[in-house]
Protein backbone atom coordinates (compact mmCIF):
# COMPACT_ATOMS: atom_id res chain seq x y z
CA MET A 1 147.30 180.61 187.55
CA ILE A 2 148.99 183.50 186.25
CA ASP A 3 149.71 186.53 188.23
CA THR A 4 149.22 189.87 186.28
CA SER A 5 149.46 193.48 187.06
CA PHE A 6 149.08 196.64 184.97
CA THR A 7 151.95 198.86 184.98
CA VAL A 8 152.69 202.23 182.79
CA ALA A 9 155.78 201.59 181.04
CA LEU A 10 157.80 203.60 178.23
CA ARG A 11 156.62 202.49 174.69
CA GLN A 12 158.94 200.49 173.08
CA GLY A 13 159.11 202.30 169.61
CA ASN A 14 159.81 198.79 167.63
CA ILE A 15 159.59 198.90 164.12
CA ARG A 16 156.80 196.92 162.00
CA GLU A 17 159.09 194.16 161.33
CA GLU A 18 160.25 193.58 164.61
CA ASN A 19 156.72 193.53 166.14
CA LYS A 20 155.82 190.84 163.62
CA SER A 21 158.87 189.06 164.60
CA ILE A 22 157.95 189.31 168.29
CA LYS A 23 154.35 188.20 167.71
CA ASN A 24 155.45 184.92 165.92
CA GLY A 25 157.59 184.14 168.97
CA GLU A 26 160.69 184.99 167.16
CA GLY A 27 161.60 187.87 169.55
CA ASN A 28 164.89 186.22 170.90
CA ASN A 29 166.57 186.81 167.81
CA LEU A 30 166.13 190.56 167.56
CA TRP A 31 168.91 192.74 168.33
CA ASN A 32 171.80 190.14 169.27
CA ASP A 33 174.30 192.48 167.64
CA LYS A 34 173.21 194.93 170.09
CA PRO A 35 173.15 193.49 173.84
CA ASN A 36 172.33 196.95 175.39
CA LYS A 37 169.34 197.47 173.40
CA LYS A 38 168.39 194.11 173.69
CA LYS A 39 168.50 194.32 177.64
CA HIS A 40 166.08 196.99 177.51
CA LYS A 41 163.49 195.40 175.25
CA ASP A 42 160.59 193.29 176.96
CA ILE A 43 159.09 190.97 174.30
CA ASP A 44 156.71 189.18 176.91
CA THR A 45 154.34 192.03 177.47
CA ARG A 46 151.11 192.73 175.69
CA TRP A 47 148.75 195.57 175.38
CA THR A 48 145.55 195.17 177.00
CA LYS A 49 142.43 197.32 177.95
CA LYS A 50 141.19 198.02 181.46
CA ASN A 51 138.00 200.37 182.09
CA GLY A 52 138.65 201.84 178.49
CA ALA A 53 142.44 202.91 179.05
CA THR A 54 144.95 200.93 177.00
CA PHE A 55 147.92 199.30 179.00
C-alpha cells in the first residue's frame, strides 16, 4: 500500500538531460559537485492529473 497526497510545489527547472537521468533511475548521480542544490531536488516525485489539473 502506498500513501500519496497531492501538493503544490515549486517547479524544479531541470534541463532535459537531467530529466532523462532521473527517469532512468540515475538521479542520485546528479549534482554531486553541488550538495546544496542536490538537497533541494526531489527525484522521487512524478506528475499526475486529478480532475483535469496537473500536479
